[in-house]
Protein backbone atom coordinates (compact mmCIF):
# COMPACT_ATOMS: atom_id res chain seq x y z
CA MET A 1 45.46 -45.44 -21.50
CA ARG A 2 46.05 -43.24 -23.71
CA ASN A 3 43.51 -40.47 -25.65
CA ASP A 4 44.44 -39.31 -28.84
CA GLU A 5 41.90 -37.45 -31.21
CA THR A 6 41.09 -40.60 -33.21
CA GLY A 7 40.49 -43.21 -30.13
CA PRO A 8 37.55 -42.86 -28.53
CA PRO A 9 36.28 -40.93 -25.31
CA GLN A 10 37.06 -42.11 -22.87
CA ALA A 11 34.43 -42.45 -19.77
CA VAL A 12 34.51 -39.76 -16.36
CA SER A 13 35.36 -41.74 -13.37
CA ARG A 14 32.40 -41.57 -10.55
CA ARG A 15 34.63 -40.32 -8.56
CA ARG A 16 35.50 -37.39 -11.70
CA LEU A 17 32.38 -37.33 -11.34
CA LEU A 18 31.78 -36.32 -7.84
CA THR A 19 34.36 -34.67 -6.63
CA ALA A 20 32.36 -32.14 -10.15
CA LEU A 21 29.52 -31.33 -8.26
CA GLY A 22 30.53 -31.29 -4.66
CA SER A 23 32.95 -28.39 -6.30
CA LEU A 24 29.83 -26.88 -8.09
CA GLY A 25 27.64 -27.62 -4.62
CA LEU A 26 30.91 -25.38 -2.20
CA LEU A 27 30.66 -22.85 -4.91
CA GLY A 28 27.38 -22.09 -4.13
CA VAL A 29 26.88 -22.75 -0.80
CA LEU A 30 29.73 -19.89 -0.78
CA LEU A 31 27.95 -17.23 -3.34
CA SER A 32 25.03 -18.19 -0.67
CA ALA A 33 26.82 -16.38 1.64
CA VAL A 34 28.83 -14.32 0.43
CA ARG A 35 24.92 -12.73 -1.27
CA GLY A 36 23.58 -12.91 1.74
CA THR A 37 26.91 -10.40 4.22
CA VAL A 38 26.68 -8.34 1.06
CA ARG A 39 23.04 -7.37 1.61
CA PHE A 40 23.41 -7.52 5.81
CA LEU A 41 26.44 -5.08 4.79
CA THR A 42 24.84 -3.07 3.38
CA PRO A 43 21.38 -0.20 4.57
CA PRO A 44 17.97 -1.20 2.62
CA VAL A 45 16.41 1.54 0.40
CA SER A 46 13.33 2.45 1.06
CA ARG A 47 10.30 1.40 -1.29
CA ALA A 48 6.94 2.71 1.13
CA ARG A 49 5.44 5.43 -0.85
CA SER A 50 4.41 9.02 0.15
CA PRO A 51 0.71 9.27 2.36
CA ILE A 52 0.34 12.62 0.53
CA VAL A 53 -2.71 11.79 -1.95
CA VAL A 54 -3.15 14.91 -4.69
CA ALA A 55 -6.46 15.03 -4.47
CA GLY A 56 -7.27 17.84 -6.73
CA PRO A 57 -8.67 21.50 -6.71
CA PRO A 58 -10.94 23.54 -3.83
CA ASP A 59 -13.52 24.18 -6.54
CA ALA A 60 -13.93 20.50 -7.75
CA PHE A 61 -14.86 18.69 -4.02
CA PRO A 62 -19.01 20.39 -4.52
CA ASP A 63 -20.77 21.33 -1.10
CA GLY A 64 -23.67 18.82 0.94
CA GLY A 65 -21.73 15.64 -0.94
CA LEU A 66 -19.18 13.17 -0.46
CA THR A 67 -16.07 13.04 -3.31
CA PRO A 68 -14.35 9.78 -3.53
CA LEU A 69 -10.81 10.04 -4.62
CA PRO A 70 -10.24 7.43 -7.57
CA GLN A 71 -6.70 7.23 -6.87
CA LYS A 72 -7.09 6.12 -3.09
CA PRO A 73 -9.71 4.42 -0.68
CA VAL A 74 -10.59 8.68 0.62
CA LEU A 75 -13.91 10.94 0.10
CA ILE A 76 -13.96 14.30 0.57
CA GLY A 77 -16.48 16.25 2.03
CA ARG A 78 -17.64 20.21 1.77
CA ASP A 79 -20.13 21.68 4.47
CA GLU A 80 -20.55 24.54 6.13
CA GLY A 81 -17.58 24.68 7.74
CA GLY A 82 -14.98 23.34 4.57
CA LEU A 83 -13.58 20.70 3.56
CA PHE A 84 -13.27 17.11 5.72
CA ALA A 85 -11.61 13.97 4.54
CA LEU A 86 -12.20 10.23 5.20
CA SER A 87 -11.08 6.73 5.18
CA ALA A 88 -12.88 5.19 2.80
CA ILE A 89 -12.13 1.76 4.45
CA CYS A 90 -13.97 0.34 6.91
CA THR A 91 -13.05 -0.37 10.29
CA HIS A 92 -15.06 -4.36 10.69
CA LEU A 93 -12.26 -5.38 8.09
CA GLY A 94 -11.02 -3.24 5.82
CA CYS A 95 -13.33 -3.46 2.98
CA THR A 96 -13.84 -0.04 0.95
CA VAL A 97 -17.32 1.84 2.10
CA THR A 98 -19.22 3.29 -0.81
CA PRO A 99 -21.43 6.85 -0.79
CA GLY A 100 -25.59 6.01 -1.42
CA SER A 101 -28.84 7.98 -0.48
CA GLU A 102 -28.31 6.64 2.87
CA GLY A 103 -24.48 7.95 4.10
CA LEU A 104 -22.13 5.11 3.55
CA THR A 105 -22.50 1.57 3.30
CA CYS A 106 -19.94 -1.47 3.38
CA PRO A 107 -20.29 -4.62 0.85
CA CYS A 108 -18.43 -7.40 2.44
CA HIS A 109 -21.10 -7.09 5.90
CA GLY A 110 -23.39 -4.32 6.02
CA SER A 111 -21.81 -1.76 8.69
CA ARG A 112 -23.29 1.85 8.12
CA PHE A 113 -22.15 4.67 8.89
CA SER A 114 -23.37 8.92 8.90
CA THR A 115 -21.58 11.19 5.55
CA ASP A 116 -19.42 12.48 8.56
CA GLY A 117 -17.96 9.39 9.18
CA ALA A 118 -20.08 8.46 12.26
CA ASN A 119 -20.88 4.70 12.77
CA LEU A 120 -24.82 4.15 12.87
CA SER A 121 -24.94 0.60 13.04
CA GLY A 122 -23.21 -2.88 11.56
CA PRO A 123 -20.51 -4.93 13.07
CA ALA A 124 -18.07 -1.55 12.50
CA PRO A 125 -17.15 -0.72 15.81
CA ARG A 126 -15.53 2.55 15.31
CA PRO A 127 -16.80 5.35 12.71
CA LEU A 128 -14.55 5.77 10.10
CA PRO A 129 -11.26 8.41 10.63
CA HIS A 130 -10.90 12.38 9.26
CA LEU A 131 -7.65 12.88 7.82
CA ALA A 132 -5.62 16.14 7.45
CA LEU A 133 -6.02 18.40 4.67
CA THR A 134 -3.86 20.75 3.59
CA PHE A 135 -3.26 23.26 0.80
CA ASN A 136 0.51 22.61 -1.52
CA ASP A 137 1.86 25.37 -3.49
CA ASP A 138 -0.59 25.11 -5.99
CA GLY A 139 -3.76 25.75 -4.61
CA LEU A 140 -4.45 22.12 -5.14
CA VAL A 141 -5.94 19.89 -1.80
CA GLU A 142 -4.18 17.41 -0.22
CA VAL A 143 -4.59 14.93 2.31
CA ASP A 144 -2.26 12.94 4.51
CA LEU A 145 -3.04 9.22 4.65
CA SER A 146 -0.94 9.27 7.66
CA GLN A 147 -2.56 11.66 9.76
CA ALA A 148 -6.37 10.96 11.65
CA VAL A 149 -7.64 14.26 13.01
CA ALA A 150 -10.69 15.42 14.55
CA PRO A 151 -14.46 14.24 12.73
CA HIS A 152 -15.03 18.08 13.29
CA SER A 153 -10.92 19.82 11.76
CA ARG A 154 -11.63 20.95 8.42
CA LEU A 155 -9.69 22.85 5.88
CA LYS A 156 -11.31 26.22 5.14
CA VAL A 157 -11.99 27.22 1.45
């Protein structure tokens, strides 16, 4: 059978269609294998964020109170010893505690903590962890979210 410009279009045979589909499937498998091999051989790029948070100038934190940081669940307190940082994540199930007139309260299950992080009541098994504070080169207070410190640790102002 001859296929010229004036004749009717020739139908594709079943064999040719299945061969083309099989070839496309094989090409997809090969591309996936190459992509997986390349991803295996290249080192992963770390997308971890820095655990250091700039809290602000030391005079932004009033004496005798807790100041929540807007960007992270951290509370900055000041007492006669200096500045301290508390994690605002409840040690029970990870809810964010809120400061109130009688200390800190977990809105999820009712755990209560004192303003220095001590566990007062509720299902929370441990006190709130204290976090490390330092001054950066600009004189601003920084919190290291990855470093817990002793509850009596203070940053002298």
